[in-house]
Structure formats: structure tokens, C-alpha cells
């Protein structure tokens, strides 16, 4: 390693020296045996139907719940939360385009809770070094059985009833109408412009899942806008493709570093329908049933990450977990050279101990699926559905994750194709012993500000490996002025060397670390 001494620094309690050191040494034998340093570990927090969040909390109660929830996830070494902020054409934040969600107050849609749930969740996540992905459902207007009259008077489904389609027991915005597409883009622009989120996230609800013997009633829109298509199915797929492209463009035009990710149903097409599809016999296909051509989004470069919901066991014959991981991995690798995209896997935590497939009654099923993910070089991590299942910890599976797989801190993968510029190092780092542990004060007096810092800690007076994530103490978001971090796990009797790296808005880590020993 090259080292460059840049001076000596006297802290209030000890003598320390600082230096810059490359964090990318020549790889040594056995480096591949290290656990992944960069890995997505996300938890979905579903608000629709109050799945993971109860309604009717005061600001104080909600803030306490957020802090407790994020503390739990942080302790389990999760690094990202995916918070559902637009479950049914509503909002869990003050919006000029959508009414307040009933899932925050438990009262009629449009009722103001008196605080900003998304702002609190975002700030508290960042306070813990965790990313916040804002989860939106674009087309869904109601849940089954809800009437339009139950919606707020300001809901566009009521002010523009011509935009709405009823299918089965639910109402949806018509994906084939240009005015619907424009409205949805405005909602995304408002969300990205007003909040310091790390990503916009969409799940598998595009055109609704098919209902037997019922046709989705969009023929009038097809007749008006689909003249260039012979088949309505191709027109529908194009509607979704265009929305995905336009949302991506809208996000990047508003804040280029904000990511756009989608978590579709786990099967693109079975081989019986397309020889390039997966060797599965799924009863639903993205392409044919939901009109979501997930492969095309990768070809177009209109997403930053894709998280197929592979909610099946490793032994289920019609859709084996590993078969689908391999298929998605190959697809991402095929298009990565032109349009890079991160592949994460959606995990079915909710099935552990409860599903009819007996494989899910083995506490090792989901932990072993993570090992399958890690064995594939294209898979960059996983997202878990959902919070309440992680908390429930059926069969003790989440404890296994915490003790065996998530037993160290991992950094979220970078989207270096967005901007691969190396961030500048901190201007200075001061170390002080405080009652709670060791305090680091990080100053950044540079034109370009990083988004995060990674804090490494080594015992003794020399730095060790920056490639071993077990040396990471924490990840902290840069704050205006002085960024303060307290290492509460430090042993007061030991001597440590700390290395601090900067991380850009697109997740690129600096090639050098600011090192300080005491």
C-alpha cells in the first residue's frame, strides 16, 4: 500500500496521526472467500391495508414507531427500507396531486394526519445510514370492494371519472390514456423534487392480474390510441413500457442520482410460450398476463435495478428458485454491457412456516436462497417481503440471517453508470473519546459534497483490509457542516485506527481513505 503522511493531529484526549491510504490493494489469495462488501439488504414496509403499519398514530407515536422499526432493522444489518407511499392513488405525504392516504389516519381518504410520514421516515432512515426507496403503485385506485364515493373528492378518479376503469371488484386508472400517463409522471416528479429519497420503487401491479371470464374494459382507448397496433396486448405492453421509460427520464431530469427500480412478478415467460423464457410452468407470466415486458426495460435502459419476486422454494417443480435466479442473471448479463442494471431478488419471508409448500417449513429455506444469490455474480442482494414477517421471525429464520448471513455491515451497490466520478475525501477527521464511545467529527470543505461516509475500524496502529466488510463499523449520511459519528462499540481500553471513505450520490466509494489512529 502507498501511504502519504499529511501531518499530525492532536485531539482533545489523545495524540493521533492522519494519512490517506488506497483502499484498493492488490487482491490476495482468498479474497473471494470474503462475504460481499456491497449487498442490497432491503425490507419492504407495506402500508396498503395497514399490513406493516397501523393507522391513527399521532406524530409522536408514529415517530417512535419509525425509530423503533428502523433500529430493529439496523440491528439486523439491513441497509435499505422500501416504504409504500402511494398505495392506492393517494399519498403518505402532503401532495398537490393526490389526497392523504386513509392508511395513515384510519379515517376517510384526504384526512390530514398533521405531520409528514415520508419526511420522518426518510430523515430517520438517513440518520441510521439506511437508504429510503419510495414505493409507489401507479394505476391502482381502490382495493377490492371499495367504491369511488369512498375516495376523497379531490382524487383524480373522481374529478376525472373518464380516466377510471372497473375490473373485478377494483378501480384502476386506465394505462392507455395519455392524460393518465402525464398525471402519473407529475406525481413522480413531485415526489422526487420534494424529498431526499434514494430511489423510486414500483412493484408488480401494472395491468391487473387477470380474472377468469372477465375482459379488461379498455377497448375504447385502444380504438382511439392504438391504431398502429394489430393486437391489443402489444398496445398494452407499449403503454407500460412508455410509462417506465418516461418515469425514468422524469426522475433523472429532476435528480439524476435518484434510482428507479421495479420488482415484477418472478416469471417473464415460460418456455412453452417463448423458447427464450424460463424453464418454468408458472400460471402467470409478466409478458402475457400483466403486459409488463420486464426484459424490454433492461434493453431500453429505463431502470436502475430489477427485483423479480421469486417467491417459490428451491424444490417447487413448476418454478424452482434457482432456475429463475439463473434465468434473470443471464438476462441481466446479456444486456448489462449496453444498459447496466442491478439484479436483486425479492424474497418470500411471508411464506416461512406458513405455506402449503412444505419446503417453507424448513427454517433454512430462505437462508439457503440467499446463499444461492451470493453464488451468482450478477445478483447484488435481496429485498424481503415484508417487515411484519421479519419481525415475526417464524421458525427463527430471521435469527439465522442475522447470525450467519447478515452478521456484518454491507454497503448498498453503486450505480456507477449514472456517474462514476470519484468523491473527494473528507477535509479532516477528528477523533475524541466520549462517554458513549469514540466520536468522529468529519469535515468536508470541498465543492462537491459526498452523500455518505463509510467508517472502517482496525485494532492497533495500522489499517487492515478495506475489502473485508467485517471491518466496517457503519455507514453514515453526510450532513451539512460537521458530520458526527459515535462508535458505541469501541472498547475504551483498545487502540484503534479508523479509515473514513466518501461515497458519492451514485454510490461510488473513494479510492482512498482518510486514516486516523489514536
Protein backbone atom coordinates (compact mmCIF):
# COMPACT_ATOMS: atom_id res chain seq x y z
CA UNK A 1 0.00 0.00 0.00
CA UNK A 2 1.14 3.52 -0.72
CA UNK A 3 0.94 5.82 2.24
CA UNK A 4 1.31 9.56 2.33
CA UNK A 5 1.72 11.21 5.72
CA UNK A 6 -0.15 14.52 5.72
CA UNK A 7 0.57 15.67 9.22
CA UNK A 8 -0.28 15.15 12.83
CA UNK A 9 -3.46 15.95 14.68
CA UNK A 10 -3.90 16.49 18.40
CA UNK A 11 -7.36 15.61 19.66
CA UNK A 12 -8.70 16.70 23.00
CA UNK A 13 -7.79 13.44 24.64
CA UNK A 14 -5.05 11.78 22.63
CA UNK A 15 -2.35 12.12 20.03
CA UNK A 16 -3.32 10.83 16.58
CA UNK A 17 -1.83 10.80 13.12
CA UNK A 18 -3.71 11.01 9.84
CA UNK A 19 -2.92 9.84 6.35
CA UNK A 20 -4.51 8.95 3.05
CA UNK A 21 -4.26 5.33 2.03
CA UNK A 22 -5.52 3.47 -1.01
CA UNK A 23 -8.41 1.18 -0.16
CA UNK A 24 -7.85 -0.93 -3.26
CA UNK A 25 -4.75 -3.08 -2.63
CA UNK A 26 -3.61 -5.80 -4.98
CA UNK A 27 -6.01 -8.72 -4.49
CA UNK A 28 -4.61 -11.51 -2.36
CA UNK A 29 -5.39 -15.20 -2.42
CA UNK A 30 -8.60 -15.99 -0.60
CA UNK A 31 -10.23 -12.58 -1.24
CA UNK A 32 -13.09 -14.37 -3.00
CA UNK A 33 -13.89 -16.13 0.29
CA UNK A 34 -14.86 -12.84 1.87
CA UNK A 35 -18.56 -12.09 2.34
CA UNK A 36 -19.93 -9.49 -0.08
CA UNK A 37 -18.96 -5.93 0.81
CA UNK A 38 -21.68 -4.49 -1.44
CA UNK A 39 -25.09 -6.09 -0.97
CA UNK A 40 -28.65 -4.82 -1.05
CA UNK A 41 -30.49 -5.83 2.12
CA UNK A 42 -33.90 -4.22 1.97
CA UNK A 43 -37.17 -4.61 3.82
CA UNK A 44 -40.48 -3.72 2.22
CA UNK A 45 -42.75 -1.75 4.56
CA UNK A 46 -46.25 -2.20 3.17
CA UNK A 47 -48.85 0.36 4.18
CA UNK A 48 -51.73 -0.82 1.96
CA UNK A 49 -54.31 -2.49 4.18
CA UNK A 50 -52.05 -1.44 7.07
CA UNK A 51 -50.03 -4.60 6.54
CA UNK A 52 -46.90 -3.32 8.28
CA UNK A 53 -48.05 -0.04 9.81
CA UNK A 54 -51.07 0.62 11.96
CA UNK A 55 -53.33 3.61 11.29
CA UNK A 56 -54.23 6.51 13.55
CA UNK A 57 -50.89 7.27 15.16
CA UNK A 58 -50.10 10.76 16.39
CA UNK A 59 -46.87 12.38 15.23
CA UNK A 60 -45.14 11.33 18.44
CA UNK A 61 -46.43 7.77 18.18
CA UNK A 62 -45.54 7.50 14.52
CA UNK A 63 -42.04 8.88 15.09
CA UNK A 64 -41.50 6.43 17.94
CA UNK A 65 -42.70 3.56 15.74
CA UNK A 66 -40.40 4.61 12.88
CA UNK A 67 -37.39 4.85 15.19
CA UNK A 68 -38.08 1.51 16.83
CA UNK A 69 -38.67 -0.19 13.47
CA UNK A 70 -35.54 1.20 11.87
CA UNK A 71 -33.47 0.42 14.95
CA UNK A 72 -34.62 -3.21 14.69
CA UNK A 73 -33.73 -3.41 11.00
CA UNK A 74 -30.41 -1.63 11.55
CA UNK A 75 -29.51 -4.11 14.29
CA UNK A 76 -30.22 -6.91 11.84
CA UNK A 77 -27.83 -5.21 9.37
CA UNK A 78 -30.48 -4.22 6.81
CA UNK A 79 -29.33 -1.18 4.84
CA UNK A 80 -32.49 -0.13 2.97
CA UNK A 81 -36.21 0.33 3.56
CA UNK A 82 -38.80 0.35 0.78
CA UNK A 83 -41.66 2.43 2.14
CA UNK A 84 -45.02 2.32 0.40
CA UNK A 85 -46.02 5.97 -0.01
CA UNK A 86 -48.65 5.73 -2.78
CA UNK A 87 -50.61 2.52 -2.20
CA UNK A 88 -53.87 3.49 -3.97
CA UNK A 89 -53.56 6.73 -5.92
CA UNK A 90 -53.11 8.54 -2.60
CA UNK A 91 -50.10 9.77 -0.64
CA UNK A 92 -48.37 9.38 2.71
CA UNK A 93 -47.01 12.90 2.31
CA UNK A 94 -48.57 16.30 1.56
CA UNK A 95 -49.27 16.29 -2.17
CA UNK A 96 -50.94 18.74 -4.52
CA UNK A 97 -51.80 15.87 -6.85
CA UNK A 98 -53.13 13.12 -4.59
CA UNK A 99 -55.15 13.04 -1.36
CA UNK A 100 -53.87 11.89 2.01
CA UNK A 101 -53.97 8.12 2.34
CA UNK A 102 -56.54 6.64 4.68
CA UNK A 103 -53.90 4.12 5.73
CA UNK A 104 -52.08 6.73 7.79
CA UNK A 105 -55.09 8.11 9.70
CA UNK A 106 -57.60 5.26 9.56
CA UNK A 107 -60.16 7.89 8.55
CA UNK A 108 -61.67 8.97 5.25
CA UNK A 109 -59.18 9.44 2.45
CA UNK A 110 -57.96 13.03 2.36
CA UNK A 111 -57.78 13.44 6.14
CA UNK A 112 -54.58 15.26 7.11
CA UNK A 113 -52.65 13.45 9.87
CA UNK A 114 -50.96 16.70 10.89
CA UNK A 115 -47.44 15.54 10.06
CA UNK A 116 -45.40 14.23 7.12
CA UNK A 117 -44.88 10.45 7.39
CA UNK A 118 -42.50 10.22 4.42
CA UNK A 119 -40.31 13.08 5.67
CA UNK A 120 -39.97 11.46 9.09
CA UNK A 121 -39.23 8.03 7.62
CA UNK A 122 -36.64 9.46 5.22
CA UNK A 123 -34.84 11.51 7.86
CA UNK A 124 -34.80 8.69 10.39
CA UNK A 125 -33.56 6.18 7.80
CA UNK A 126 -30.74 8.50 6.77
CA UNK A 127 -29.91 9.15 10.43
CA UNK A 128 -29.12 5.44 10.60
CA UNK A 129 -27.20 5.30 7.34
CA UNK A 130 -30.05 3.47 5.61
CA UNK A 131 -31.43 4.17 2.14
CA UNK A 132 -35.08 5.11 1.62
CA UNK A 133 -36.81 3.85 -1.51
CA UNK A 134 -40.25 5.40 -2.02
CA UNK A 135 -42.65 2.70 -3.21
CA UNK A 136 -45.50 3.75 -5.50
CA UNK A 137 -48.39 1.88 -7.13
CA UNK A 138 -49.24 3.81 -10.29
CA UNK A 139 -52.57 2.50 -11.57
CA UNK A 140 -54.41 1.13 -8.53
CA UNK A 141 -57.24 3.41 -7.33
CA UNK A 142 -59.07 1.19 -4.82
CA UNK A 143 -58.74 -2.09 -3.04
CA UNK A 144 -61.42 -4.80 -3.59
CA UNK A 145 -64.88 -3.71 -2.58
CA UNK A 146 -64.12 0.00 -2.18
CA UNK A 147 -66.37 2.43 -4.02
CA UNK A 148 -65.35 5.60 -5.80
CA UNK A 149 -67.57 7.56 -3.45
CA UNK A 150 -65.37 6.44 -0.56
CA UNK A 151 -62.45 8.34 -2.07
CA UNK A 152 -61.59 11.96 -1.34
CA UNK A 153 -63.45 14.44 -3.52
CA UNK A 154 -60.09 15.68 -4.82
CA UNK A 155 -58.96 12.24 -6.01
CA UNK A 156 -58.45 12.36 -9.80
CA UNK A 157 -60.53 9.20 -10.05
CA UNK A 158 -63.48 11.37 -9.00
CA UNK A 159 -62.54 14.62 -10.72
CA UNK A 160 -61.76 12.74 -13.94
CA UNK A 161 -64.06 9.69 -13.96
CA UNK A 162 -63.24 9.07 -17.62
CA UNK A 163 -59.74 8.04 -16.54
CA UNK A 164 -61.09 5.15 -14.47
CA UNK A 165 -61.78 1.51 -15.30
CA UNK A 166 -63.50 -1.05 -13.08
CA UNK A 167 -62.16 -4.57 -13.33
CA UNK A 168 -63.40 -7.22 -10.95
CA UNK A 169 -64.02 -5.53 -7.61
CA UNK A 170 -61.42 -2.78 -8.04
CA UNK A 171 -60.95 0.50 -9.85
CA UNK A 172 -57.83 1.41 -11.84
CA UNK A 173 -56.51 4.35 -13.80
CA UNK A 174 -56.59 3.41 -17.48
CA UNK A 175 -52.97 2.82 -18.59
CA UNK A 176 -53.87 3.52 -22.21
CA UNK A 177 -54.82 7.17 -21.74
CA UNK A 178 -52.15 9.83 -22.39
CA UNK A 179 -53.67 12.07 -19.72
CA UNK A 180 -53.25 9.28 -17.15
CA UNK A 181 -49.62 8.81 -18.17
CA UNK A 182 -48.99 12.56 -17.83
CA UNK A 183 -50.64 12.66 -14.42
CA UNK A 184 -48.53 9.77 -13.15
CA UNK A 185 -45.34 11.47 -14.34
CA UNK A 186 -46.29 14.62 -12.45
CA UNK A 187 -46.80 12.62 -9.24
CA UNK A 188 -43.33 11.11 -9.58
CA UNK A 189 -41.77 14.50 -10.32
CA UNK A 190 -43.42 15.99 -7.23
CA UNK A 191 -42.22 13.12 -5.06
CA UNK A 192 -38.60 13.24 -6.27
CA UNK A 193 -38.39 17.04 -6.21
CA UNK A 194 -39.69 17.40 -2.66
CA UNK A 195 -37.98 14.54 -0.82
CA UNK A 196 -34.39 13.39 -0.34
CA UNK A 197 -35.23 9.81 -1.29
CA UNK A 198 -32.67 7.41 -2.72
CA UNK A 199 -34.98 5.67 -5.20
CA UNK A 200 -38.48 5.40 -6.61
CA UNK A 201 -39.73 1.82 -6.45
CA UNK A 202 -42.61 0.14 -8.28
CA UNK A 203 -43.83 -3.40 -7.67
CA UNK A 204 -45.71 -5.95 -9.80
CA UNK A 205 -49.03 -4.13 -10.23
CA UNK A 206 -49.23 -2.86 -13.79
CA UNK A 207 -52.24 -4.11 -15.70
CA UNK A 208 -54.11 -6.09 -13.03
CA UNK A 209 -53.80 -9.83 -12.62
CA UNK A 210 -56.33 -11.49 -14.92
CA UNK A 211 -59.76 -12.51 -13.72
CA UNK A 212 -61.27 -15.59 -15.33
CA UNK A 213 -64.02 -14.87 -17.85
CA UNK A 214 -63.64 -11.11 -17.48
CA UNK A 215 -62.07 -8.74 -20.03
CA UNK A 216 -60.22 -5.61 -19.02
CA UNK A 217 -62.51 -2.88 -20.44
CA UNK A 218 -60.06 -0.66 -22.34
CA UNK A 219 -61.31 -1.29 -25.87
CA UNK A 220 -62.45 2.31 -26.37
CA UNK A 221 -58.99 3.62 -25.52
CA UNK A 222 -57.42 1.03 -27.81
CA UNK A 223 -59.65 2.12 -30.67
CA UNK A 224 -58.71 5.77 -30.10
CA UNK A 225 -54.97 5.44 -29.38
CA UNK A 226 -53.89 2.00 -30.59
CA UNK A 227 -54.43 2.30 -34.33
CA UNK A 228 -50.83 1.33 -35.10
CA UNK A 229 -51.17 -1.98 -33.25
CA UNK A 230 -52.89 -5.09 -34.60
CA UNK A 231 -53.15 -6.67 -31.18
CA UNK A 232 -54.41 -5.02 -28.03
CA UNK A 233 -51.86 -6.99 -26.00
CA UNK A 234 -48.95 -5.31 -27.84
CA UNK A 235 -50.52 -1.91 -27.30
CA UNK A 236 -50.91 -2.59 -23.59
CA UNK A 237 -47.28 -3.64 -23.28
CA UNK A 238 -46.21 -0.48 -25.05
CA UNK A 239 -48.27 1.61 -22.63
CA UNK A 240 -46.37 0.11 -19.72
CA UNK A 241 -43.01 0.34 -21.49
CA UNK A 242 -43.62 4.01 -22.25
CA UNK A 243 -44.60 4.78 -18.67
CA UNK A 244 -41.44 3.08 -17.37
CA UNK A 245 -39.26 5.00 -19.85
CA UNK A 246 -40.91 8.29 -19.03
CA UNK A 247 -40.73 7.79 -15.27
CA UNK A 248 -37.02 7.04 -15.60
CA UNK A 249 -36.50 10.21 -17.67
CA UNK A 250 -38.55 12.28 -15.23
CA UNK A 251 -36.57 11.06 -12.24
CA UNK A 252 -33.20 11.69 -13.89
CA UNK A 253 -34.25 15.15 -15.10
CA UNK A 254 -35.31 16.05 -11.56
CA UNK A 255 -32.48 14.46 -9.51
CA UNK A 256 -30.04 12.38 -11.57
CA UNK A 257 -28.76 10.34 -8.63
CA UNK A 258 -32.20 9.03 -7.60
CA UNK A 259 -32.62 5.44 -8.72
CA UNK A 260 -35.62 3.83 -10.38
CA UNK A 261 -36.29 0.21 -9.56
CA UNK A 262 -39.10 -2.26 -10.23
CA UNK A 263 -39.93 -5.56 -8.52
CA UNK A 264 -42.02 -7.53 -11.04
CA UNK A 265 -43.65 -10.94 -10.77
CA UNK A 266 -40.91 -13.57 -10.89
CA UNK A 267 -41.58 -15.09 -14.33
CA UNK A 268 -41.17 -13.18 -17.59
CA UNK A 269 -42.49 -16.02 -19.79
CA UNK A 270 -42.48 -19.81 -19.60
CA UNK A 271 -40.51 -21.66 -22.27
CA UNK A 272 -43.79 -23.12 -23.52
CA UNK A 273 -44.69 -19.59 -24.67
CA UNK A 274 -41.23 -18.44 -25.72
CA UNK A 275 -38.08 -20.57 -26.18
CA UNK A 276 -36.04 -17.79 -24.53
CA UNK A 277 -38.23 -17.88 -21.44
CA UNK A 278 -37.53 -19.72 -18.20
CA UNK A 279 -37.89 -23.46 -17.69
CA UNK A 280 -40.98 -22.98 -15.56
CA UNK A 281 -44.69 -23.75 -15.67
CA UNK A 282 -45.98 -20.68 -13.87
CA UNK A 283 -49.69 -19.95 -14.08
CA UNK A 284 -48.96 -16.24 -14.63
CA UNK A 285 -46.46 -14.56 -16.94
CA UNK A 286 -45.42 -10.92 -16.83
CA UNK A 287 -45.42 -10.54 -20.60
CA UNK A 288 -48.76 -12.18 -21.39
CA UNK A 289 -50.87 -11.53 -18.31
CA UNK A 290 -49.66 -8.28 -16.75
CA UNK A 291 -48.42 -6.76 -20.04
CA UNK A 292 -45.15 -5.99 -18.29
CA UNK A 293 -42.28 -6.74 -20.66
CA UNK A 294 -39.62 -6.76 -17.98
CA UNK A 295 -36.90 -7.76 -20.44
CA UNK A 296 -37.61 -4.70 -22.58
CA UNK A 297 -36.94 -2.37 -19.65
CA UNK A 298 -33.42 -3.78 -19.46
CA UNK A 299 -32.98 -3.44 -23.22
CA UNK A 300 -34.15 0.17 -23.06
CA UNK A 301 -32.01 1.08 -20.07
CA UNK A 302 -35.06 2.54 -18.35
CA UNK A 303 -34.45 1.10 -14.87
CA UNK A 304 -31.52 1.08 -12.45
CA UNK A 305 -32.46 -2.14 -10.72
CA UNK A 306 -34.86 -5.01 -11.15
CA UNK A 307 -36.06 -7.23 -8.29
CA UNK A 308 -38.02 -10.23 -9.58
CA UNK A 309 -40.28 -11.59 -6.87
CA UNK A 310 -39.07 -15.19 -6.85
CA UNK A 311 -41.50 -16.31 -4.21
CA UNK A 312 -41.02 -20.06 -4.64
CA UNK A 313 -38.91 -22.68 -2.92
CA UNK A 314 -35.76 -24.33 -4.20
CA UNK A 315 -37.68 -27.59 -4.79
CA UNK A 316 -41.01 -26.41 -6.27
CA UNK A 317 -41.08 -28.22 -9.62
CA UNK A 318 -43.13 -25.69 -11.61
CA UNK A 319 -40.93 -22.72 -10.69
CA UNK A 320 -37.72 -23.62 -8.89
CA UNK A 321 -35.97 -20.78 -7.14
CA UNK A 322 -32.53 -21.46 -8.59
CA UNK A 323 -33.91 -21.93 -12.10
CA UNK A 324 -35.37 -18.43 -12.00
CA UNK A 325 -32.33 -16.83 -10.39
CA UNK A 326 -30.22 -18.30 -13.20
CA UNK A 327 -32.64 -17.05 -15.87
CA UNK A 328 -32.74 -13.49 -14.54
CA UNK A 329 -28.98 -13.48 -14.06
CA UNK A 330 -28.44 -14.45 -17.69
CA UNK A 331 -30.84 -11.76 -18.88
CA UNK A 332 -29.13 -9.04 -16.86
CA UNK A 333 -25.71 -10.19 -18.05
CA UNK A 334 -26.90 -10.15 -21.67
CA UNK A 335 -27.93 -6.51 -21.61
CA UNK A 336 -25.51 -5.20 -18.96
CA UNK A 337 -22.83 -4.13 -21.44
CA UNK A 338 -25.19 -1.67 -23.14
CA UNK A 339 -27.54 -0.90 -20.27
CA UNK A 340 -26.23 -1.90 -16.83
CA UNK A 341 -28.85 -2.78 -14.25
CA UNK A 342 -28.57 -4.24 -10.77
CA UNK A 343 -30.30 -7.55 -10.12
CA UNK A 344 -31.77 -8.03 -6.67
CA UNK A 345 -34.11 -10.86 -5.69
CA UNK A 346 -37.47 -10.46 -3.96
CA UNK A 347 -37.66 -12.90 -1.03
CA UNK A 348 -40.86 -14.52 0.28
CA UNK A 349 -40.33 -14.08 4.00
CA UNK A 350 -44.11 -14.21 4.42
CA UNK A 351 -44.14 -17.88 3.36
CA UNK A 352 -41.75 -19.12 6.04
CA UNK A 353 -43.54 -21.60 8.26
CA UNK A 354 -46.94 -20.97 6.67
CA UNK A 355 -47.01 -22.03 3.01
CA UNK A 356 -48.62 -25.19 1.59
CA UNK A 357 -45.25 -25.99 0.00
CA UNK A 358 -43.60 -27.93 2.83
CA UNK A 359 -40.17 -26.64 1.83
CA UNK A 360 -41.09 -23.39 3.56
CA UNK A 361 -41.43 -25.26 6.87
CA UNK A 362 -37.66 -25.73 6.86
CA UNK A 363 -36.07 -22.79 8.67
CA UNK A 364 -33.10 -22.95 6.29
CA UNK A 365 -35.11 -22.50 3.06
CA UNK A 366 -34.80 -18.73 2.88
CA UNK A 367 -31.25 -18.54 4.31
CA UNK A 368 -30.19 -21.09 1.70
CA UNK A 369 -31.81 -19.00 -1.03
CA UNK A 370 -29.53 -16.12 -0.01
CA UNK A 371 -26.55 -18.43 -0.44
CA UNK A 372 -27.84 -19.16 -3.96
CA UNK A 373 -27.99 -15.41 -4.60
CA UNK A 374 -24.44 -14.89 -3.38
CA UNK A 375 -23.13 -17.73 -5.55
CA UNK A 376 -24.32 -15.83 -8.65
CA UNK A 377 -22.04 -12.93 -9.57
CA UNK A 378 -24.89 -10.97 -11.18
CA UNK A 379 -27.09 -10.96 -8.07
CA UNK A 380 -26.31 -7.92 -5.92
CA UNK A 381 -28.57 -8.61 -2.95
CA UNK A 382 -32.19 -9.13 -1.94
CA UNK A 383 -35.35 -7.45 -0.74
CA UNK A 384 -37.56 -9.06 1.91
CA UNK A 385 -41.35 -9.07 1.98
CA UNK A 386 -42.19 -7.82 4.41
CA UNK A 387 -41.48 -6.05 7.70
CA UNK A 388 -44.00 -7.94 9.83
CA UNK A 389 -42.61 -11.29 8.66
CA UNK A 390 -39.07 -10.25 9.56
CA UNK A 391 -40.35 -9.19 12.98
CA UNK A 392 -42.39 -12.38 13.42
CA UNK A 393 -39.26 -14.46 12.73
CA UNK A 394 -41.11 -17.70 12.00
CA UNK A 395 -39.05 -20.81 12.79
CA UNK A 396 -36.23 -18.46 13.81
CA UNK A 397 -35.23 -17.89 10.16
CA UNK A 398 -34.51 -14.16 10.69
CA UNK A 399 -32.20 -15.01 13.58
CA UNK A 400 -30.27 -17.29 11.24
CA UNK A 401 -29.93 -14.44 8.76
CA UNK A 402 -28.77 -12.09 11.49
CA UNK A 403 -26.23 -14.51 12.97
CA UNK A 404 -24.91 -16.19 9.81
CA UNK A 405 -25.56 -14.09 6.70
CA UNK A 406 -26.20 -10.51 7.84
CA UNK A 407 -23.68 -10.58 10.68
CA UNK A 408 -21.73 -7.58 9.38
CA UNK A 409 -22.46 -4.25 7.67
CA UNK A 410 -22.75 -4.16 3.88
CA UNK A 411 -22.76 -1.13 1.57
CA UNK A 412 -25.55 -0.75 -0.99
CA UNK A 413 -24.33 -1.34 -4.57
CA UNK A 414 -23.30 1.71 -6.61
CA UNK A 415 -25.00 2.76 -9.85
CA UNK A 416 -21.71 3.90 -11.33
CA UNK A 417 -23.23 4.09 -14.82
CA UNK A 418 -25.16 7.13 -13.57
CA UNK A 419 -21.92 8.92 -12.67
CA UNK A 420 -18.66 7.14 -11.88
CA UNK A 421 -16.87 10.24 -10.56
CA UNK A 422 -14.75 9.52 -7.51
CA UNK A 423 -15.83 11.62 -4.49
CA UNK A 424 -13.30 13.73 -2.66
CA UNK A 425 -12.08 12.66 0.75
CA UNK A 426 -13.06 14.48 3.94
CA UNK A 427 -11.03 17.62 4.60
CA UNK A 428 -10.40 16.50 8.17
CA UNK A 429 -11.45 13.89 10.69
CA UNK A 430 -11.08 14.42 14.42
CA UNK A 431 -11.29 11.61 16.96
CA UNK A 432 -12.32 12.15 20.56
CA UNK A 433 -13.10 9.79 23.41
CA UNK A 434 -16.58 10.47 24.78
CA UNK A 435 -18.76 8.77 27.38
CA UNK A 436 -20.65 6.77 24.77
CA UNK A 437 -17.53 5.57 22.95
CA UNK A 438 -15.27 7.14 20.31
CA UNK A 439 -16.55 10.21 18.46
CA UNK A 440 -15.53 11.05 14.90
CA UNK A 441 -16.10 14.59 13.60
CA UNK A 442 -15.90 14.65 9.82
CA UNK A 443 -15.42 17.93 7.95
CA UNK A 444 -15.93 18.26 4.19
CA UNK A 445 -14.80 21.62 2.81
CA UNK A 446 -14.94 20.69 -0.86
CA UNK A 447 -17.08 21.92 -3.75
CA UNK A 448 -18.65 18.54 -4.39
CA UNK A 449 -20.22 17.02 -1.30
CA UNK A 450 -20.43 13.25 -0.80
CA UNK A 451 -23.69 11.58 0.07
CA UNK A 452 -22.33 9.15 2.63
CA UNK A 453 -19.22 8.11 4.52
CA UNK A 454 -18.08 4.58 5.32
CA UNK A 455 -16.37 4.19 8.70
CA UNK A 456 -13.79 1.38 8.92
CA UNK A 457 -12.13 0.37 12.18
CA UNK A 458 -9.00 -1.67 12.78
CA UNK A 459 -7.40 -2.69 16.07
CA UNK A 460 -3.92 -1.29 16.64
CA UNK A 461 -1.98 1.46 14.86
CA UNK A 462 -2.30 0.22 11.29
CA UNK A 463 -5.16 -0.11 8.83
CA UNK A 464 -6.11 -3.55 7.57
CA UNK A 465 -8.22 -4.66 4.62
CA UNK A 466 -10.81 -2.28 3.21
CA UNK A 467 -12.21 -5.12 1.13
CA UNK A 468 -13.32 -7.06 4.19
CA UNK A 469 -16.74 -5.70 5.16
CA UNK A 470 -16.29 -7.05 8.67
CA UNK A 471 -14.04 -4.04 9.23
CA UNK A 472 -16.92 -1.64 8.54
CA UNK A 473 -18.31 -0.09 11.69
CA UNK A 474 -21.09 1.85 9.99
CA UNK A 475 -22.29 3.91 7.05
CA UNK A 476 -23.38 7.49 7.78
CA UNK A 477 -25.03 10.14 5.61
CA UNK A 478 -23.15 13.37 5.08
CA UNK A 479 -24.75 16.30 6.89
CA UNK A 480 -24.26 19.97 6.21
CA UNK A 481 -21.46 21.29 8.38
CA UNK A 482 -19.84 18.69 10.60
CA UNK A 483 -20.90 15.07 10.31
CA UNK A 484 -20.66 13.43 13.71
CA UNK A 485 -20.46 9.69 14.29
CA UNK A 486 -20.07 7.94 17.64
CA UNK A 487 -18.61 4.44 17.63
CA UNK A 488 -20.52 2.98 20.55
CA UNK A 489 -18.98 -0.46 20.12
CA UNK A 490 -15.40 0.70 20.71
CA UNK A 491 -13.55 -0.77 23.67
CA UNK A 492 -12.15 2.09 25.76
CA UNK A 493 -9.07 0.04 26.60
CA UNK A 494 -8.08 -0.65 23.00
CA UNK A 495 -6.17 1.36 20.41
CA UNK A 496 -7.87 1.76 17.04
CA UNK A 497 -7.16 3.02 13.56
CA UNK A 498 -10.14 4.46 11.70
CA UNK A 499 -10.40 4.81 7.94
CA UNK A 500 -13.10 7.09 6.51
CA UNK A 501 -14.08 6.91 2.83
CA UNK A 502 -16.51 9.14 0.97
CA UNK A 503 -19.40 7.79 -1.11
CA UNK A 504 -20.91 9.74 -4.00
CA UNK A 505 -24.62 10.22 -4.68
CA UNK A 506 -24.46 7.30 -7.11
CA UNK A 507 -22.77 5.09 -4.53
CA UNK A 508 -19.19 5.29 -5.82
CA UNK A 509 -16.69 4.93 -2.98
CA UNK A 510 -13.49 6.95 -2.91
CA UNK A 511 -10.32 5.09 -3.87
CA UNK A 512 -8.55 6.36 -0.77
CA UNK A 513 -9.42 6.57 2.89
CA UNK A 514 -8.72 9.33 5.37
CA UNK A 515 -6.94 7.42 8.11
CA UNK A 516 -6.53 8.47 11.71
CA UNK A 517 -5.04 6.46 14.56
CA UNK A 518 -5.07 7.13 18.25
